[in-house]
C-alpha atoms as a PDB file:
ATOM      1  CA  UNK A   1      65.505 222.773 153.463  1.00  0.00           C
ATOM      2  CA  UNK A   2      68.190 220.473 154.622  1.00  0.00           C
ATOM      3  CA  UNK A   3      67.411 216.782 154.019  1.00  0.00           C
ATOM      4  CA  UNK A   4      70.112 214.647 155.864  1.00  0.00           C
ATOM      5  CA  UNK A   5      71.538 211.233 155.227  1.00  0.00           C
ATOM      6  CA  UNK A   6      74.651 209.434 156.335  1.00  0.00           C
ATOM      7  CA  UNK A   7      76.781 209.253 153.336  1.00  0.00           C
ATOM      8  CA  UNK A   8      77.554 210.847 150.124  1.00  0.00           C
ATOM      9  CA  UNK A   9      76.506 207.542 148.383  1.00  0.00           C
ATOM     10  CA  UNK A  10      72.874 208.225 149.250  1.00  0.00           C
ATOM     11  CA  UNK A  11      72.930 211.684 148.911  1.00  0.00           C
ATOM     12  CA  UNK A  12      73.904 211.376 145.275  1.00  0.00           C
ATOM     13  CA  UNK A  13      70.996 208.765 144.767  1.00  0.00           C
ATOM     14  CA  UNK A  14      68.148 209.744 142.339  1.00  0.00           C
ATOM     15  CA  UNK A  15      65.508 208.553 144.714  1.00  0.00           C
ATOM     16  CA  UNK A  16      66.967 210.496 147.580  1.00  0.00           C
ATOM     17  CA  UNK A  17      67.407 213.626 145.208  1.00  0.00           C
ATOM     18  CA  UNK A  18      63.837 213.140 143.997  1.00  0.00           C
ATOM     19  CA  UNK A  19      62.521 213.084 147.498  1.00  0.00           C
ATOM     20  CA  UNK A  20      64.222 216.465 148.340  1.00  0.00           C
ATOM     21  CA  UNK A  21      63.102 218.210 145.298  1.00  0.00           C
ATOM     22  CA  UNK A  22      59.420 216.904 146.032  1.00  0.00           C
ATOM     23  CA  UNK A  23      59.559 218.009 149.794  1.00  0.00           C
ATOM     24  CA  UNK A  24      60.668 221.519 148.835  1.00  0.00           C
ATOM     25  CA  UNK A  25      58.148 221.712 146.425  1.00  0.00           C
ATOM     26  CA  UNK A  26      55.238 220.472 148.840  1.00  0.00           C
ATOM     27  CA  UNK A  27      56.862 223.102 151.570  1.00  0.00           C
ATOM     28  CA  UNK A  28      56.540 225.678 149.261  1.00  0.00           C
ATOM     29  CA  UNK A  29      53.048 224.815 148.105  1.00  0.00           C
ATOM     30  CA  UNK A  30      51.797 224.555 151.731  1.00  0.00           C
ATOM     31  CA  UNK A  31      53.945 227.608 152.991  1.00  0.00           C
ATOM     32  CA  UNK A  32      55.148 225.493 155.932  1.00  0.00           C
ATOM     33  CA  UNK A  33      58.613 225.916 157.510  1.00  0.00           C
ATOM     34  CA  UNK A  34      57.868 224.066 160.823  1.00  0.00           C
ATOM     35  CA  UNK A  35      59.456 220.905 160.716  1.00  0.00           C
ATOM     36  CA  UNK A  36      57.204 218.763 162.931  1.00  0.00           C
ATOM     37  CA  UNK A  37      54.111 220.233 161.296  1.00  0.00           C
ATOM     38  CA  UNK A  38      55.672 219.400 157.831  1.00  0.00           C
ATOM     39  CA  UNK A  39      56.418 215.875 158.594  1.00  0.00           C
ATOM     40  CA  UNK A  40      52.461 215.165 159.538  1.00  0.00           C
ATOM     41  CA  UNK A  41      51.618 216.698 155.903  1.00  0.00           C
ATOM     42  CA  UNK A  42      50.016 214.541 153.423  1.00  0.00           C
ATOM     43  CA  UNK A  43      52.523 213.235 150.630  1.00  0.00           C
ATOM     44  CA  UNK A  44      51.923 210.539 147.954  1.00  0.00           C
ATOM     45  CA  UNK A  45      49.127 208.848 149.712  1.00  0.00           C
ATOM     46  CA  UNK A  46      50.936 208.892 152.956  1.00  0.00           C
ATOM     47  CA  UNK A  47      52.646 211.461 155.422  1.00  0.00           C
ATOM     48  CA  UNK A  48      55.884 213.059 154.736  1.00  0.00           C
ATOM     49  CA  UNK A  49      57.310 211.072 157.840  1.00  0.00           C
ATOM     50  CA  UNK A  50      55.939 207.754 156.325  1.00  0.00           C
ATOM     51  CA  UNK A  51      57.684 208.735 153.148  1.00  0.00           C
ATOM     52  CA  UNK A  52      61.017 209.199 154.739  1.00  0.00           C
ATOM     53  CA  UNK A  53      60.500 205.952 156.591  1.00  0.00           C
ATOM     54  CA  UNK A  54      59.970 204.228 153.325  1.00  0.00           C
ATOM     55  CA  UNK A  55      63.052 205.693 151.780  1.00  0.00           C
ATOM     56  CA  UNK A  56      65.139 204.790 154.909  1.00  0.00           C
ATOM     57  CA  UNK A  57      64.120 201.254 154.401  1.00  0.00           C
ATOM     58  CA  UNK A  58      64.890 201.335 150.675  1.00  0.00           C
ATOM     59  CA  UNK A  59      68.161 203.066 150.799  1.00  0.00           C
ATOM     60  CA  UNK A  60      69.355 201.653 154.245  1.00  0.00           C
ATOM     61  CA  UNK A  61      70.415 205.062 155.929  1.00  0.00           C
ATOM     62  CA  UNK A  62      68.645 207.166 158.525  1.00  0.00           C
ATOM     63  CA  UNK A  63      67.650 210.297 156.968  1.00  0.00           C
ATOM     64  CA  UNK A  64      65.568 213.479 158.210  1.00  0.00           C
ATOM     65  CA  UNK A  65      64.269 216.793 157.397  1.00  0.00           C
ATOM     66  CA  UNK A  66      66.470 218.849 159.647  1.00  0.00           C
ATOM     67  CA  UNK A  67      65.510 222.375 158.958  1.00  0.00           C
ATOM     68  CA  UNK A  68      63.628 224.551 156.645  1.00  0.00           C
ATOM     69  CA  UNK A  69      62.947 228.205 155.607  1.00  0.00           C
ATOM     70  CA  UNK A  70      60.569 230.075 153.302  1.00  0.00           C
ATOM     71  CA  UNK A  71      60.800 233.831 152.437  1.00  0.00           C
ATOM     72  CA  UNK A  72      58.209 235.955 150.873  1.00  0.00           C
ATOM     73  CA  UNK A  73      59.539 239.118 149.064  1.00  0.00           C
ATOM     74  CA  UNK A  74      56.416 241.191 149.394  1.00  0.00           C
ATOM     75  CA  UNK A  75      55.671 244.253 147.194  1.00  0.00           C
ATOM     76  CA  UNK A  76      58.966 246.096 148.144  1.00  0.00           C
ATOM     77  CA  UNK A  77      61.306 243.134 148.490  1.00  0.00           C
ATOM     78  CA  UNK A  78      63.936 241.443 146.556  1.00  0.00           C
ATOM     79  CA  UNK A  79      64.991 237.562 147.492  1.00  0.00           C
ATOM     80  CA  UNK A  80      68.059 235.705 146.094  1.00  0.00           C
ATOM     81  CA  UNK A  81      68.634 231.985 146.682  1.00  0.00           C
ATOM     82  CA  UNK A  82      72.157 230.705 145.980  1.00  0.00           C
ATOM     83  CA  UNK A  83      73.285 227.125 146.192  1.00  0.00           C
ATOM     84  CA  UNK A  84      76.900 226.430 146.445  1.00  0.00           C
ATOM     85  CA  UNK A  85      78.931 223.360 145.986  1.00  0.00           C
ATOM     86  CA  UNK A  86      76.312 221.159 144.744  1.00  0.00           C
ATOM     87  CA  UNK A  87      73.932 221.939 147.402  1.00  0.00           C
ATOM     88  CA  UNK A  88      76.502 221.709 150.089  1.00  0.00           C
ATOM     89  CA  UNK A  89      75.655 225.345 151.285  1.00  0.00           C
ATOM     90  CA  UNK A  90      72.725 227.373 150.713  1.00  0.00           C
ATOM     91  CA  UNK A  91      71.689 230.931 151.241  1.00  0.00           C
ATOM     92  CA  UNK A  92      68.358 232.625 151.307  1.00  0.00           C
ATOM     93  CA  UNK A  93      68.266 236.476 151.712  1.00  0.00           C
ATOM     94  CA  UNK A  94      65.741 239.115 151.587  1.00  0.00           C
ATOM     95  CA  UNK A  95      66.087 242.822 151.013  1.00  0.00           C
ATOM     96  CA  UNK A  96      63.409 245.368 152.077  1.00  0.00           C
ATOM     97  CA  UNK A  97      63.378 248.360 149.734  1.00  0.00           C
ATOM     98  CA  UNK A  98      61.705 251.911 149.815  1.00  0.00           C
ATOM     99  CA  UNK A  99      59.254 251.271 147.077  1.00  0.00           C
ATOM    100  CA  UNK A 100      57.988 248.649 144.845  1.00  0.00           C
ATOM    101  CA  UNK A 101      59.692 250.508 141.897  1.00  0.00           C
ATOM    102  CA  UNK A 102      62.896 250.048 143.382  1.00  0.00           C
ATOM    103  CA  UNK A 103      62.565 246.350 142.940  1.00  0.00           C
ATOM    104  CA  UNK A 104      63.110 246.602 139.289  1.00  0.00           C
ATOM    105  CA  UNK A 105      66.406 248.393 139.481  1.00  0.00           C
ATOM    106  CA  UNK A 106      69.187 246.190 138.092  1.00  0.00           C
ATOM    107  CA  UNK A 107      71.736 247.479 140.786  1.00  0.00           C
ATOM    108  CA  UNK A 108      69.603 246.301 143.488  1.00  0.00           C
ATOM    109  CA  UNK A 109      68.711 242.853 141.918  1.00  0.00           C
ATOM    110  CA  UNK A 110      72.740 242.371 141.571  1.00  0.00           C
ATOM    111  CA  UNK A 111      72.921 243.542 145.260  1.00  0.00           C
ATOM    112  CA  UNK A 112      70.758 240.892 146.667  1.00  0.00           C
ATOM    113  CA  UNK A 113      72.503 238.246 144.763  1.00  0.00           C
ATOM    114  CA  UNK A 114      75.954 239.542 145.742  1.00  0.00           C
ATOM    115  CA  UNK A 115      74.974 239.573 149.493  1.00  0.00           C
ATOM    116  CA  UNK A 116      74.100 235.893 148.946  1.00  0.00           C
ATOM    117  CA  UNK A 117      77.522 235.302 147.751  1.00  0.00           C
ATOM    118  CA  UNK A 118      78.877 237.283 150.590  1.00  0.00           C
ATOM    119  CA  UNK A 119      77.148 235.228 153.273  1.00  0.00           C
ATOM    120  CA  UNK A 120      78.249 231.845 151.780  1.00  0.00           C
ATOM    121  CA  UNK A 121      81.882 233.075 151.602  1.00  0.00           C
ATOM    122  CA  UNK A 122      82.115 234.989 154.611  1.00  0.00           C
ATOM    123  CA  UNK A 123      80.004 232.936 156.948  1.00  0.00           C
ATOM    124  CA  UNK A 124      77.773 235.759 158.451  1.00  0.00           C
ATOM    125  CA  UNK A 125      75.542 234.767 161.451  1.00  0.00           C
ATOM    126  CA  UNK A 126      73.836 237.911 162.085  1.00  0.00           C
ATOM    127  CA  UNK A 127      72.694 241.080 160.060  1.00  0.00           C
ATOM    128  CA  UNK A 128      73.919 243.708 162.650  1.00  0.00           C
ATOM    129  CA  UNK A 129      75.411 243.929 165.816  1.00  0.00           C
ATOM    130  CA  UNK A 130      72.125 244.618 167.473  1.00  0.00           C
ATOM    131  CA  UNK A 131      71.173 240.976 166.645  1.00  0.00           C
ATOM    132  CA  UNK A 132      73.776 239.257 168.445  1.00  0.00           C
ATOM    133  CA  UNK A 133      72.295 237.763 171.533  1.00  0.00           C
ATOM    134  CA  UNK A 134      73.392 239.120 174.886  1.00  0.00           C
ATOM    135  CA  UNK A 135      74.536 235.712 176.130  1.00  0.00           C
ATOM    136  CA  UNK A 136      76.755 235.203 173.104  1.00  0.00           C
ATOM    137  CA  UNK A 137      78.645 238.569 173.906  1.00  0.00           C
ATOM    138  CA  UNK A 138      78.944 237.607 177.572  1.00  0.00           C
ATOM    139  CA  UNK A 139      80.358 234.209 176.470  1.00  0.00           C
ATOM    140  CA  UNK A 140      82.797 235.581 173.982  1.00  0.00           C
ATOM    141  CA  UNK A 141      84.079 238.130 176.454  1.00  0.00           C
ATOM    142  CA  UNK A 142      84.698 235.413 178.912  1.00  0.00           C
ATOM    143  CA  UNK A 143      86.778 233.564 176.468  1.00  0.00           C
ATOM    144  CA  UNK A 144      88.710 236.690 175.615  1.00  0.00           C
ATOM    145  CA  UNK A 145      89.270 237.668 179.146  1.00  0.00           C
ATOM    146  CA  UNK A 146      90.661 234.020 179.724  1.00  0.00           C
ATOM    147  CA  UNK A 147      92.923 234.389 176.886  1.00  0.00           C
ATOM    148  CA  UNK A 148      94.440 237.584 177.891  1.00  0.00           C
ATOM    149  CA  UNK A 149      94.856 236.375 181.537  1.00  0.00           C
ATOM    150  CA  UNK A 150      96.660 233.257 180.182  1.00  0.00           C
ATOM    151  CA  UNK A 151      98.953 235.397 178.011  1.00  0.00           C
ATOM    152  CA  UNK A 152     100.085 237.262 180.996  1.00  0.00           C
ATOM    153  CA  UNK A 153      98.515 240.627 180.464  1.00  0.00           C
ATOM    154  CA  UNK A 154      98.452 243.195 183.055  1.00  0.00           C
ATOM    155  CA  UNK A 155      94.832 243.815 184.489  1.00  0.00           C
ATOM    156  CA  UNK A 156      94.755 247.381 182.963  1.00  0.00           C
ATOM    157  CA  UNK A 157      95.390 245.921 179.582  1.00  0.00           C
ATOM    158  CA  UNK A 158      93.080 242.953 179.678  1.00  0.00           C
ATOM    159  CA  UNK A 159      89.806 244.965 179.271  1.00  0.00           C
ATOM    160  CA  UNK A 160      91.217 246.823 176.185  1.00  0.00           C
ATOM    161  CA  UNK A 161      92.274 243.520 174.685  1.00  0.00           C
ATOM    162  CA  UNK A 162      88.833 241.924 175.220  1.00  0.00           C
ATOM    163  CA  UNK A 163      86.905 244.985 173.776  1.00  0.00           C
ATOM    164  CA  UNK A 164      89.309 244.834 170.598  1.00  0.00           C
ATOM    165  CA  UNK A 165      88.816 240.990 170.250  1.00  0.00           C
ATOM    166  CA  UNK A 166      84.949 241.423 170.674  1.00  0.00           C
ATOM    167  CA  UNK A 167      84.864 244.160 168.122  1.00  0.00           C
ATOM    168  CA  UNK A 168      87.076 241.966 165.549  1.00  0.00           C
ATOM    169  CA  UNK A 169      84.433 239.024 166.590  1.00  0.00           C
ATOM    170  CA  UNK A 170      81.485 241.235 165.453  1.00  0.00           C
ATOM    171  CA  UNK A 171      83.053 242.386 162.190  1.00  0.00           C
ATOM    172  CA  UNK A 172      83.366 238.722 161.428  1.00  0.00           C
ATOM    173  CA  UNK A 173      80.051 237.456 162.181  1.00  0.00           C
ATOM    174  CA  UNK A 174      77.746 240.507 161.390  1.00  0.00           C
ATOM    175  CA  UNK A 175      77.007 240.837 157.813  1.00  0.00           C
ATOM    176  CA  UNK A 176      76.798 244.777 157.694  1.00  0.00           C
ATOM    177  CA  UNK A 177      79.981 245.103 159.414  1.00  0.00           C
ATOM    178  CA  UNK A 178      81.888 242.557 157.096  1.00  0.00           C
ATOM    179  CA  UNK A 179      84.437 243.751 154.496  1.00  0.00           C
ATOM    180  CA  UNK A 180      82.726 243.326 151.131  1.00  0.00           C
ATOM    181  CA  UNK A 181      84.320 240.400 149.448  1.00  0.00           C
ATOM    182  CA  UNK A 182      84.204 242.234 145.845  1.00  0.00           C
ATOM    183  CA  UNK A 183      85.820 245.407 147.032  1.00  0.00           C
ATOM    184  CA  UNK A 184      87.795 245.084 150.286  1.00  0.00           C
ATOM    185  CA  UNK A 185      87.792 249.032 150.572  1.00  0.00           C
ATOM    186  CA  UNK A 186      84.156 248.811 151.536  1.00  0.00           C
ATOM    187  CA  UNK A 187      82.116 247.224 154.285  1.00  0.00           C
ATOM    188  CA  UNK A 188      78.917 245.848 153.378  1.00  0.00           C
ATOM    189  CA  UNK A 189      76.938 248.465 155.256  1.00  0.00           C
ATOM    190  CA  UNK A 190      78.942 251.211 153.414  1.00  0.00           C
ATOM    191  CA  UNK A 191      78.117 249.358 150.070  1.00  0.00           C
ATOM    192  CA  UNK A 192      74.467 249.460 150.916  1.00  0.00           C
ATOM    193  CA  UNK A 193      74.458 253.018 151.804  1.00  0.00           C
ATOM    194  CA  UNK A 194      76.252 253.945 148.641  1.00  0.00           C
ATOM    195  CA  UNK A 195      73.622 252.125 146.454  1.00  0.00           C
ATOM    196  CA  UNK A 196      70.702 253.567 148.468  1.00  0.00           C
ATOM    197  CA  UNK A 197      71.742 257.001 147.584  1.00  0.00           C
ATOM    198  CA  UNK A 198      72.593 256.026 144.049  1.00  0.00           C
ATOM    199  CA  UNK A 199      69.275 254.493 143.458  1.00  0.00           C
ATOM    200  CA  UNK A 200      67.199 257.011 145.487  1.00  0.00           C
ATOM    201  CA  UNK A 201      65.742 254.497 147.868  1.00  0.00           C
ATOM    202  CA  UNK A 202      66.192 252.905 151.372  1.00  0.00           C
ATOM    203  CA  UNK A 203      67.606 249.381 151.455  1.00  0.00           C
ATOM    204  CA  UNK A 204      67.811 247.150 154.498  1.00  0.00           C
ATOM    205  CA  UNK A 205      68.638 243.637 154.983  1.00  0.00           C
ATOM    206  CA  UNK A 206      65.247 242.289 156.316  1.00  0.00           C
ATOM    207  CA  UNK A 207      66.337 238.483 156.696  1.00  0.00           C
ATOM    208  CA  UNK A 208      68.926 235.856 155.865  1.00  0.00           C
ATOM    209  CA  UNK A 209      69.529 232.026 156.455  1.00  0.00           C
ATOM    210  CA  UNK A 210      72.760 230.249 155.698  1.00  0.00           C
ATOM    211  CA  UNK A 211      72.461 226.306 155.670  1.00  0.00           C
ATOM    212  CA  UNK A 212      75.651 224.328 155.492  1.00  0.00           C
ATOM    213  CA  UNK A 213      75.123 220.498 155.426  1.00  0.00           C
ATOM    214  CA  UNK A 214      75.775 218.870 158.756  1.00  0.00           C
ATOM    215  CA  UNK A 215      76.751 222.086 160.692  1.00  0.00           C
ATOM    216  CA  UNK A 216      76.443 221.412 164.278  1.00  0.00           C
ATOM    217  CA  UNK A 217      76.172 217.747 163.998  1.00  0.00           C
ATOM    218  CA  UNK A 218      79.084 216.193 165.617  1.00  0.00           C
ATOM    219  CA  UNK A 219      80.784 213.349 163.439  1.00  0.00           C
ATOM    220  CA  UNK A 220      81.245 210.090 164.960  1.00  0.00           C
ATOM    221  CA  UNK A 221      84.395 207.974 164.279  1.00  0.00           C
ATOM    222  CA  UNK A 222      84.855 204.517 164.654  1.00  0.00           C
END
């Protein structure tokens, strides 16, 4: 869950930290990951929204539950939750394996944690190239085409440059295509294939979410 306020001072306040922990516990207990529904839930004799309002009045800063996610491992799944930089970045990732027995293998328990580290460090946005929305591809191509034209490239070269830059973009943002940070001779996709063969099971990255505090919120300057 991302619980936002306006300054580091409030973010380090004990009341704010306790509120955050309580709200995560409530969301987990109620299996809720819809922010609007969550704000209407009962908490400490009032609603979550009312509790936020009270905390705002006490600490003097605006705050909000910005987003939240809950994953369930299931019988054949493994989950890792990794928080970095004192909660500045958090990753939740779930693997789906071929059998319940595979979830006990130390190599695969290590893998799901290593993938969480990978997502934090390399800022993956999608699992595979198939997950990249068509409109994102179109927008990226338009950017690369404009860049190539501005660089004075000949028309017959522009298309090849666009495809090359798009391929590099997908390698940067798609987890499976990324270079594995712990062994740069492998991609994440190759790492998973090697471990699947070694452990005699199938492995797929089913879900992941990466939250970085404040991303997407434009900072205002006075």
